[in-house]
């Protein structure tokens, strides 16, 4: 493997300005100076909440802790989970102002004040939850947060666009694999329970859209 040049290393260091330490979720300084602790206020599962966050740099160069850790550590949310850290598996998915969002890469300073954030913890007996339980669609269930929240965002956006038809299995498979025209986000189940996941989403959609 060729050695990276000094310029490449400098550019990489400029891009990676903060990191999350395993266990403590500590933001470490890489480039620039640590700013003072700032607060962000959102509506989390319908309730107004505020909490501090740490950031590095300023303006266009600002970087802050990821939304995933801010939700888990500051607000005790257990639904969104760390799966890959690079926005590729979906385990960290939350709804941000109604849109499915990968919280492992979304930085807190980019979330608008008073934004609406919905997590799996905020759902209570939702048709998607019931369908996943009834059809045993979660094997180890680590991915279920992404499947449920991603499907909820997708189905809600279909309704908002005037489409109240129940999606066919092929459409659900396209949604899970990131093959939809409107989104390339994919959802990975490492246990390979996708057949039951497709069935669960279909069953829930029939209840939600009837």
Foldseek 3Di string as FASTA:
>chain_A
DDDDDPVVVVVVLLVCQWDQDPPPGDTDGRDADKDDWDKAWEQELNRIDMDTWTWGDDDPSIATRFQQCCCCPVVVDDQQDDDPLPQAAQSRWKAWLLATDRRSPHGPVPRHHHIYIYFPVSDDPALLVVLCVVLVLADVCSQVRRLSRLLSSVQVVCVVVVHLDQDDLVVSVCSQCLNDPVGNHHHDDPVPSVVSSSVSSSRSSVVVRD
